[in-house]
Each structure stands twice: as C-alpha cells, then as structure tokens.
C-alpha cells in the first residue's frame, strides 16, 4: 500500500554568512592600506521536497521516526519526480510501506548537498518537519546515495546530536572532521568496483572511526560498481538496524 500522504512542498531558508574582504595592496606604498570589511549577507535557499507519511499517521497520536533521504547528483534539478528514481522514495512509489516519516528534498542542478549552505538548509528542514509533524525527537535518521552519501555525512558532522543513526552509501567526507561522529551509529556501504566514488572514501572513514566508535559498521560489496544503493535499500535489515538505534 502506498503511503497515505505524499506532498510536494517548498521550503525556504534564510542563511546568514559573514563575508570578510581585504584590500590587497602592497604595504610599502604609503598611499594604499590593507583594510578588512565584514558584513552579514542573507542567502535564501529554496528546496522542493517530498513528504511521505505512514498510512496510519492520521489515525494515531503517537510520535513517528523521521528519515531524511538525500538523492544523488543525477536527480538534481526541478523535476520532483526524479526523487523517486532510487532509494526509499522509489520503494514507496512502488507500494512499499515504512513505519516512519520520510522527507526527500531535491537539490538544485548546480549545487551539492555537502555545500555548507545546503547543510544548514537541510538541518533547518529537519527542524521544521519536527515542529510541524508528530516526530520522535530521539529517532531522527539520515541516509543518502553518492552525492547524498556525502551530504548525509556532512549534516551529521555538522549536527551529530541531531541523529540517532545514519546510512551513507558510496559517499565520502572530510576525514579531519569525521571524529565528530564518534557517538553516532553509522553503517557505511560501498562497492569495491566503484569508479565514480572510490571505495577508499568509505574504508578510510571506517578506519578512522572504528577505534573511537563501537557503533560504526561497513559493508563492501564485491564486484559492484557505483550502484551499491539498490541492493542496500532493498535489504530489510538496514531499516531494522536503523530504527533500533
């Protein structure tokens, strides 16, 4: 049975950044000076996203887990239907039932989920969803594939306190910051024949986290290329593991 409620929504996020500009002139010239200029700049981020509610959502007063799904680079743009090409949205569209709320935003064609502005926007989208729906604050999760795998790790590193568990698939992340995830349950997936995103992206993350995080796992598929997400999202065990965190 397909989810009872599937909504296309638009989310706008205003992001403050600080810009520092320097005038780069030689100090030896006494008519020119090195100056700094600092100001706040407002950036508006607009995201279309799909919201999927469990079929029993309206009939229950209980709180539901929330899963953020981040698509890959091929699904960027303005065609919202592209979100349902892969992963959890694809399965829901095919009639799969899940016991959690899903939000699946669409990234603009010229941007990436791991861009700092979009990391902030995604976190704000989660907070908005929590405030507007019956979400269990202790059961917020994230998963994504390829570019979405990078985004999953980026937002978790930005706000490790927000997530009860994450599943990044064929992604990667900043190894200098990955230690921030020392308390976050993580299940990494990758194909060893991936020529788009090297498998080493995931194995290096695992190697760094394993000594400090006893809840990090990794699955490497033999002879599998970039599409390591299809068999991962088809695996019922990943949802059992995620929701048990």
C-alpha atoms as a PDB file:
ATOM      1  CA  UNK A   1       0.000   0.000   0.000  1.00  0.00           C
ATOM      2  CA  UNK A   2       1.345   3.412  -0.922  1.00  0.00           C
ATOM      3  CA  UNK A   3       1.748   5.996   1.764  1.00  0.00           C
ATOM      4  CA  UNK A   4      -1.403   7.869   2.585  1.00  0.00           C
ATOM      5  CA  UNK A   5       0.141  11.275   2.222  1.00  0.00           C
ATOM      6  CA  UNK A   6       2.701  12.269  -0.383  1.00  0.00           C
ATOM      7  CA  UNK A   7       3.159  16.011  -0.598  1.00  0.00           C
ATOM      8  CA  UNK A   8       5.314  18.258  -2.728  1.00  0.00           C
ATOM      9  CA  UNK A   9       6.342  21.183  -0.596  1.00  0.00           C
ATOM     10  CA  UNK A  10       8.675  24.130  -0.918  1.00  0.00           C
ATOM     11  CA  UNK A  11      10.998  25.085   1.874  1.00  0.00           C
ATOM     12  CA  UNK A  12      12.744  28.434   2.079  1.00  0.00           C
ATOM     13  CA  UNK A  13      15.696  29.002   4.348  1.00  0.00           C
ATOM     14  CA  UNK A  14      17.442  32.289   5.006  1.00  0.00           C
ATOM     15  CA  UNK A  15      21.099  31.760   5.795  1.00  0.00           C
ATOM     16  CA  UNK A  16      23.375  34.376   7.351  1.00  0.00           C
ATOM     17  CA  UNK A  17      27.012  34.295   6.401  1.00  0.00           C
ATOM     18  CA  UNK A  18      29.842  36.616   7.257  1.00  0.00           C
ATOM     19  CA  UNK A  19      31.996  37.913   4.445  1.00  0.00           C
ATOM     20  CA  UNK A  20      35.403  39.389   5.134  1.00  0.00           C
ATOM     21  CA  UNK A  21      37.009  41.333   2.293  1.00  0.00           C
ATOM     22  CA  UNK A  22      40.571  42.558   2.287  1.00  0.00           C
ATOM     23  CA  UNK A  23      42.105  45.174   0.037  1.00  0.00           C
ATOM     24  CA  UNK A  24      45.306  43.554  -1.125  1.00  0.00           C
ATOM     25  CA  UNK A  25      47.717  46.379  -1.784  1.00  0.00           C
ATOM     26  CA  UNK A  26      51.450  46.467  -1.047  1.00  0.00           C
ATOM     27  CA  UNK A  27      52.272  47.719   2.416  1.00  0.00           C
ATOM     28  CA  UNK A  28      55.254  49.574   1.030  1.00  0.00           C
ATOM     29  CA  UNK A  29      53.020  52.055  -0.775  1.00  0.00           C
ATOM     30  CA  UNK A  30      52.085  54.682   1.814  1.00  0.00           C
ATOM     31  CA  UNK A  31      49.072  55.757  -0.239  1.00  0.00           C
ATOM     32  CA  UNK A  32      47.468  52.353  -0.033  1.00  0.00           C
ATOM     33  CA  UNK A  33      46.284  50.496   3.046  1.00  0.00           C
ATOM     34  CA  UNK A  34      45.245  46.957   3.877  1.00  0.00           C
ATOM     35  CA  UNK A  35      41.690  47.063   5.185  1.00  0.00           C
ATOM     36  CA  UNK A  36      39.104  44.487   6.268  1.00  0.00           C
ATOM     37  CA  UNK A  37      35.383  44.730   5.675  1.00  0.00           C
ATOM     38  CA  UNK A  38      32.962  42.423   7.474  1.00  0.00           C
ATOM     39  CA  UNK A  39      29.213  42.152   6.934  1.00  0.00           C
ATOM     40  CA  UNK A  40      26.288  39.763   7.214  1.00  0.00           C
ATOM     41  CA  UNK A  41      24.789  38.529   3.950  1.00  0.00           C
ATOM     42  CA  UNK A  42      21.352  36.966   3.670  1.00  0.00           C
ATOM     43  CA  UNK A  43      21.118  33.977   1.330  1.00  0.00           C
ATOM     44  CA  UNK A  44      17.729  32.470   0.523  1.00  0.00           C
ATOM     45  CA  UNK A  45      17.700  28.743  -0.143  1.00  0.00           C
ATOM     46  CA  UNK A  46      14.591  27.221  -1.666  1.00  0.00           C
ATOM     47  CA  UNK A  47      14.094  23.444  -1.729  1.00  0.00           C
ATOM     48  CA  UNK A  48      11.253  21.404  -3.141  1.00  0.00           C
ATOM     49  CA  UNK A  49      10.780  18.162  -1.264  1.00  0.00           C
ATOM     50  CA  UNK A  50       8.527  15.158  -0.981  1.00  0.00           C
ATOM     51  CA  UNK A  51       6.928  14.334   2.329  1.00  0.00           C
ATOM     52  CA  UNK A  52       5.768  10.776   2.898  1.00  0.00           C
ATOM     53  CA  UNK A  53       3.573   9.969   5.890  1.00  0.00           C
ATOM     54  CA  UNK A  54       2.821   6.422   7.079  1.00  0.00           C
ATOM     55  CA  UNK A  55      -0.681   5.184   6.262  1.00  0.00           C
ATOM     56  CA  UNK A  56      -1.638   5.166   9.942  1.00  0.00           C
ATOM     57  CA  UNK A  57      -0.276   8.643  10.634  1.00  0.00           C
ATOM     58  CA  UNK A  58      -3.668  10.385  10.779  1.00  0.00           C
ATOM     59  CA  UNK A  59      -5.164   7.623  12.916  1.00  0.00           C
ATOM     60  CA  UNK A  60      -2.527   7.784  15.607  1.00  0.00           C
ATOM     61  CA  UNK A  61      -1.363  10.305  18.179  1.00  0.00           C
ATOM     62  CA  UNK A  62       1.985   8.602  18.594  1.00  0.00           C
ATOM     63  CA  UNK A  63       5.298  10.051  17.506  1.00  0.00           C
ATOM     64  CA  UNK A  64       6.994   8.591  14.438  1.00  0.00           C
ATOM     65  CA  UNK A  65      10.648   8.219  13.463  1.00  0.00           C
ATOM     66  CA  UNK A  66      11.861  10.649  10.798  1.00  0.00           C
ATOM     67  CA  UNK A  67      14.177   9.678   7.938  1.00  0.00           C
ATOM     68  CA  UNK A  68      15.866  12.219   5.687  1.00  0.00           C
ATOM     69  CA  UNK A  69      16.671  10.771   2.250  1.00  0.00           C
ATOM     70  CA  UNK A  70      19.228  12.518   0.033  1.00  0.00           C
ATOM     71  CA  UNK A  71      19.365  11.611  -3.652  1.00  0.00           C
ATOM     72  CA  UNK A  72      22.416  11.557  -5.902  1.00  0.00           C
ATOM     73  CA  UNK A  73      23.709  14.052  -8.457  1.00  0.00           C
ATOM     74  CA  UNK A  74      21.648  12.584 -11.294  1.00  0.00           C
ATOM     75  CA  UNK A  75      18.376  13.548  -9.642  1.00  0.00           C
ATOM     76  CA  UNK A  76      19.145  17.240  -9.210  1.00  0.00           C
ATOM     77  CA  UNK A  77      17.061  19.886 -10.928  1.00  0.00           C
ATOM     78  CA  UNK A  78      13.400  20.916 -10.997  1.00  0.00           C
ATOM     79  CA  UNK A  79      11.642  17.661 -11.910  1.00  0.00           C
ATOM     80  CA  UNK A  80      10.433  16.482  -8.500  1.00  0.00           C
ATOM     81  CA  UNK A  81       9.623  13.038  -9.919  1.00  0.00           C
ATOM     82  CA  UNK A  82      13.347  12.321 -10.252  1.00  0.00           C
ATOM     83  CA  UNK A  83      13.494  11.878  -6.490  1.00  0.00           C
ATOM     84  CA  UNK A  84      11.574   8.635  -6.863  1.00  0.00           C
ATOM     85  CA  UNK A  85      14.108   7.080  -9.247  1.00  0.00           C
ATOM     86  CA  UNK A  86      16.163   5.495  -6.467  1.00  0.00           C
ATOM     87  CA  UNK A  87      16.146   4.582  -2.816  1.00  0.00           C
ATOM     88  CA  UNK A  88      13.391   4.921  -0.264  1.00  0.00           C
ATOM     89  CA  UNK A  89      11.170   7.200  -2.408  1.00  0.00           C
ATOM     90  CA  UNK A  90      11.363   4.663  -5.247  1.00  0.00           C
ATOM     91  CA  UNK A  91      10.258   1.860  -2.932  1.00  0.00           C
ATOM     92  CA  UNK A  92       7.409   3.935  -1.516  1.00  0.00           C
ATOM     93  CA  UNK A  93       6.264   4.809  -5.025  1.00  0.00           C
ATOM     94  CA  UNK A  94       6.234   1.080  -5.819  1.00  0.00           C
ATOM     95  CA  UNK A  95       3.952   0.429  -2.858  1.00  0.00           C
ATOM     96  CA  UNK A  96       6.394  -0.293  -0.037  1.00  0.00           C
ATOM     97  CA  UNK A  97       5.153   0.644   3.435  1.00  0.00           C
ATOM     98  CA  UNK A  98       7.513   2.065   6.046  1.00  0.00           C
ATOM     99  CA  UNK A  99       6.753   2.896   9.690  1.00  0.00           C
ATOM    100  CA  UNK A 100       8.476   6.274   9.550  1.00  0.00           C
ATOM    101  CA  UNK A 101       8.027   9.738   8.095  1.00  0.00           C
ATOM    102  CA  UNK A 102      10.283  10.403   5.114  1.00  0.00           C
ATOM    103  CA  UNK A 103      11.392  13.752   3.754  1.00  0.00           C
ATOM    104  CA  UNK A 104      13.188  13.757   0.409  1.00  0.00           C
ATOM    105  CA  UNK A 105      14.361  17.189  -0.792  1.00  0.00           C
ATOM    106  CA  UNK A 106      15.642  17.945  -4.284  1.00  0.00           C
ATOM    107  CA  UNK A 107      18.983  19.637  -4.776  1.00  0.00           C
ATOM    108  CA  UNK A 108      19.328  22.398  -7.421  1.00  0.00           C
ATOM    109  CA  UNK A 109      21.193  21.277 -10.520  1.00  0.00           C
ATOM    110  CA  UNK A 110      24.266  23.404  -9.847  1.00  0.00           C
ATOM    111  CA  UNK A 111      24.733  22.605  -6.167  1.00  0.00           C
ATOM    112  CA  UNK A 112      25.676  19.722  -3.871  1.00  0.00           C
ATOM    113  CA  UNK A 113      24.232  18.531  -0.585  1.00  0.00           C
ATOM    114  CA  UNK A 114      27.593  18.908   1.152  1.00  0.00           C
ATOM    115  CA  UNK A 115      27.798  22.640   0.321  1.00  0.00           C
ATOM    116  CA  UNK A 116      27.812  24.475   3.687  1.00  0.00           C
ATOM    117  CA  UNK A 117      24.715  26.498   2.807  1.00  0.00           C
ATOM    118  CA  UNK A 118      22.759  23.346   1.964  1.00  0.00           C
ATOM    119  CA  UNK A 119      23.988  21.550   5.059  1.00  0.00           C
ATOM    120  CA  UNK A 120      22.437  24.370   7.094  1.00  0.00           C
ATOM    121  CA  UNK A 121      19.289  24.303   4.973  1.00  0.00           C
ATOM    122  CA  UNK A 122      18.814  20.539   5.393  1.00  0.00           C
ATOM    123  CA  UNK A 123      19.179  20.780   9.145  1.00  0.00           C
ATOM    124  CA  UNK A 124      16.646  23.585   9.195  1.00  0.00           C
ATOM    125  CA  UNK A 125      14.288  21.472   7.075  1.00  0.00           C
ATOM    126  CA  UNK A 126      14.533  18.665   9.622  1.00  0.00           C
ATOM    127  CA  UNK A 127      13.792  21.064  12.449  1.00  0.00           C
ATOM    128  CA  UNK A 128      10.803  22.455  10.563  1.00  0.00           C
ATOM    129  CA  UNK A 129       9.452  18.949   9.947  1.00  0.00           C
ATOM    130  CA  UNK A 130       9.860  18.099  13.609  1.00  0.00           C
ATOM    131  CA  UNK A 131       7.878  21.174  14.606  1.00  0.00           C
ATOM    132  CA  UNK A 132       5.038  20.513  12.151  1.00  0.00           C
ATOM    133  CA  UNK A 133       4.587  16.750  12.491  1.00  0.00           C
ATOM    134  CA  UNK A 134       4.487  14.056  15.152  1.00  0.00           C
ATOM    135  CA  UNK A 135       8.189  13.264  15.147  1.00  0.00           C
ATOM    136  CA  UNK A 136      10.060  11.375  17.835  1.00  0.00           C
ATOM    137  CA  UNK A 137      12.942  13.729  18.621  1.00  0.00           C
ATOM    138  CA  UNK A 138      15.113  10.788  19.653  1.00  0.00           C
ATOM    139  CA  UNK A 139      14.635   8.894  16.389  1.00  0.00           C
ATOM    140  CA  UNK A 140      15.813  11.146  13.581  1.00  0.00           C
ATOM    141  CA  UNK A 141      17.872   9.432  10.877  1.00  0.00           C
ATOM    142  CA  UNK A 142      19.567  10.257   7.573  1.00  0.00           C
ATOM    143  CA  UNK A 143      20.612   8.267   4.548  1.00  0.00           C
ATOM    144  CA  UNK A 144      21.719   9.070   1.040  1.00  0.00           C
ATOM    145  CA  UNK A 145      23.463   7.743  -2.035  1.00  0.00           C
ATOM    146  CA  UNK A 146      26.544   9.063  -3.837  1.00  0.00           C
ATOM    147  CA  UNK A 147      26.223  12.861  -3.572  1.00  0.00           C
ATOM    148  CA  UNK A 148      23.574  12.124  -0.955  1.00  0.00           C
ATOM    149  CA  UNK A 149      26.069   9.935   0.896  1.00  0.00           C
ATOM    150  CA  UNK A 150      28.412  12.902   1.102  1.00  0.00           C
ATOM    151  CA  UNK A 151      25.511  15.049   2.267  1.00  0.00           C
ATOM    152  CA  UNK A 152      24.477  12.533   4.914  1.00  0.00           C
ATOM    153  CA  UNK A 153      27.933  12.586   6.448  1.00  0.00           C
ATOM    154  CA  UNK A 154      28.203  16.377   6.138  1.00  0.00           C
ATOM    155  CA  UNK A 155      24.985  17.131   8.005  1.00  0.00           C
ATOM    156  CA  UNK A 156      25.772  14.528  10.650  1.00  0.00           C
ATOM    157  CA  UNK A 157      29.182  16.078  11.224  1.00  0.00           C
ATOM    158  CA  UNK A 158      27.541  19.486  11.499  1.00  0.00           C
ATOM    159  CA  UNK A 159      24.916  18.267  13.992  1.00  0.00           C
ATOM    160  CA  UNK A 160      25.883  14.862  15.431  1.00  0.00           C
ATOM    161  CA  UNK A 161      23.477  15.453  18.310  1.00  0.00           C
ATOM    162  CA  UNK A 162      20.527  15.501  15.908  1.00  0.00           C
ATOM    163  CA  UNK A 163      20.819  11.974  14.537  1.00  0.00           C
ATOM    164  CA  UNK A 164      20.167   8.597  16.130  1.00  0.00           C
ATOM    165  CA  UNK A 165      21.815   6.848  13.182  1.00  0.00           C
ATOM    166  CA  UNK A 166      22.902   7.346   9.573  1.00  0.00           C
ATOM    167  CA  UNK A 167      23.441   5.181   6.477  1.00  0.00           C
ATOM    168  CA  UNK A 168      25.765   6.818   3.901  1.00  0.00           C
ATOM    169  CA  UNK A 169      26.027   4.862   0.634  1.00  0.00           C
ATOM    170  CA  UNK A 170      29.006   5.288  -1.742  1.00  0.00           C
ATOM    171  CA  UNK A 171      29.777   8.704  -0.301  1.00  0.00           C
ATOM    172  CA  UNK A 172      32.635  10.339   1.498  1.00  0.00           C
ATOM    173  CA  UNK A 173      33.529  13.025   3.989  1.00  0.00           C
ATOM    174  CA  UNK A 174      36.180  15.252   5.499  1.00  0.00           C
ATOM    175  CA  UNK A 175      38.464  12.938   7.465  1.00  0.00           C
ATOM    176  CA  UNK A 176      39.636  15.880   9.582  1.00  0.00           C
ATOM    177  CA  UNK A 177      36.099  16.326  10.894  1.00  0.00           C
ATOM    178  CA  UNK A 178      34.904  12.725  10.866  1.00  0.00           C
ATOM    179  CA  UNK A 179      35.802  12.306  14.529  1.00  0.00           C
ATOM    180  CA  UNK A 180      32.718  14.364  15.357  1.00  0.00           C
ATOM    181  CA  UNK A 181      30.731  11.212  14.598  1.00  0.00           C
ATOM    182  CA  UNK A 182      32.319   9.195  17.392  1.00  0.00           C
ATOM    183  CA  UNK A 183      28.946   8.746  19.115  1.00  0.00           C
ATOM    184  CA  UNK A 184      26.722   8.327  16.047  1.00  0.00           C
ATOM    185  CA  UNK A 185      25.709   4.825  14.878  1.00  0.00           C
ATOM    186  CA  UNK A 186      26.829   4.541  11.245  1.00  0.00           C
ATOM    187  CA  UNK A 187      26.500   1.841   8.615  1.00  0.00           C
ATOM    188  CA  UNK A 188      28.636   2.545   5.561  1.00  0.00           C
ATOM    189  CA  UNK A 189      28.033   0.853   2.197  1.00  0.00           C
ATOM    190  CA  UNK A 190      30.176   0.828  -0.933  1.00  0.00           C
ATOM    191  CA  UNK A 191      31.011  -1.279  -3.980  1.00  0.00           C
ATOM    192  CA  UNK A 192      34.644  -2.306  -4.378  1.00  0.00           C
ATOM    193  CA  UNK A 193      34.459  -1.732  -8.154  1.00  0.00           C
ATOM    194  CA  UNK A 194      33.092   1.823  -7.877  1.00  0.00           C
ATOM    195  CA  UNK A 195      34.878   4.007 -10.444  1.00  0.00           C
ATOM    196  CA  UNK A 196      32.845   7.135  -9.666  1.00  0.00           C
ATOM    197  CA  UNK A 197      33.374   7.404  -5.924  1.00  0.00           C
ATOM    198  CA  UNK A 198      36.352   5.311  -4.761  1.00  0.00           C
ATOM    199  CA  UNK A 199      35.623   2.662  -2.158  1.00  0.00           C
ATOM    200  CA  UNK A 200      38.525   4.081  -0.154  1.00  0.00           C
ATOM    201  CA  UNK A 201      36.276   7.006   0.737  1.00  0.00           C
ATOM    202  CA  UNK A 202      34.245   4.698   2.942  1.00  0.00           C
ATOM    203  CA  UNK A 203      37.039   2.430   4.167  1.00  0.00           C
ATOM    204  CA  UNK A 204      39.099   5.403   5.344  1.00  0.00           C
ATOM    205  CA  UNK A 205      36.131   6.769   7.275  1.00  0.00           C
ATOM    206  CA  UNK A 206      35.638   3.372   8.870  1.00  0.00           C
ATOM    207  CA  UNK A 207      39.330   3.083   9.767  1.00  0.00           C
ATOM    208  CA  UNK A 208      39.306   6.488  11.455  1.00  0.00           C
ATOM    209  CA  UNK A 209      36.078   5.894  13.366  1.00  0.00           C
ATOM    210  CA  UNK A 210      36.457   2.265  14.402  1.00  0.00           C
ATOM    211  CA  UNK A 211      38.857   2.941  17.314  1.00  0.00           C
ATOM    212  CA  UNK A 212      36.541   5.607  18.774  1.00  0.00           C
ATOM    213  CA  UNK A 213      33.076   4.455  17.691  1.00  0.00           C
ATOM    214  CA  UNK A 214      31.892   0.949  18.524  1.00  0.00           C
ATOM    215  CA  UNK A 215      28.697   1.522  16.550  1.00  0.00           C
ATOM    216  CA  UNK A 216      30.255   2.000  13.132  1.00  0.00           C
ATOM    217  CA  UNK A 217      29.788  -0.751  10.536  1.00  0.00           C
ATOM    218  CA  UNK A 218      30.814  -1.166   6.918  1.00  0.00           C
ATOM    219  CA  UNK A 219      29.631  -3.386   4.087  1.00  0.00           C
ATOM    220  CA  UNK A 220      31.744  -3.632   0.938  1.00  0.00           C
ATOM    221  CA  UNK A 221      30.067  -5.362  -1.999  1.00  0.00           C
ATOM    222  CA  UNK A 222      32.395  -7.442  -4.155  1.00  0.00           C
ATOM    223  CA  UNK A 223      32.411  -6.716  -7.900  1.00  0.00           C
ATOM    224  CA  UNK A 224      29.803  -3.957  -7.504  1.00  0.00           C
ATOM    225  CA  UNK A 225      30.258  -0.595  -9.182  1.00  0.00           C
ATOM    226  CA  UNK A 226      28.748   2.746  -8.300  1.00  0.00           C
ATOM    227  CA  UNK A 227      25.226   1.429  -7.815  1.00  0.00           C
ATOM    228  CA  UNK A 228      25.641  -0.022  -4.367  1.00  0.00           C
ATOM    229  CA  UNK A 229      22.379   1.565  -3.264  1.00  0.00           C
ATOM    230  CA  UNK A 230      19.820  -0.664  -4.987  1.00  0.00           C
ATOM    231  CA  UNK A 231      20.661  -3.813  -3.044  1.00  0.00           C
ATOM    232  CA  UNK A 232      21.186  -1.771   0.105  1.00  0.00           C
ATOM    233  CA  UNK A 233      17.752  -0.163   0.091  1.00  0.00           C
ATOM    234  CA  UNK A 234      16.193  -3.493  -0.926  1.00  0.00           C
ATOM    235  CA  UNK A 235      17.634  -5.045   2.230  1.00  0.00           C
ATOM    236  CA  UNK A 236      15.046  -5.090   5.035  1.00  0.00           C
ATOM    237  CA  UNK A 237      17.794  -5.464   7.615  1.00  0.00           C
ATOM    238  CA  UNK A 238      19.057  -1.909   7.151  1.00  0.00           C
ATOM    239  CA  UNK A 239      15.707  -0.499   8.274  1.00  0.00           C
ATOM    240  CA  UNK A 240      15.601  -2.841  11.259  1.00  0.00           C
ATOM    241  CA  UNK A 241      19.096  -1.730  12.210  1.00  0.00           C
ATOM    242  CA  UNK A 242      18.370   1.972  11.660  1.00  0.00           C
ATOM    243  CA  UNK A 243      15.170   2.005  13.690  1.00  0.00           C
ATOM    244  CA  UNK A 244      16.808   0.063  16.518  1.00  0.00           C
ATOM    245  CA  UNK A 245      19.265   2.902  17.133  1.00  0.00           C
END
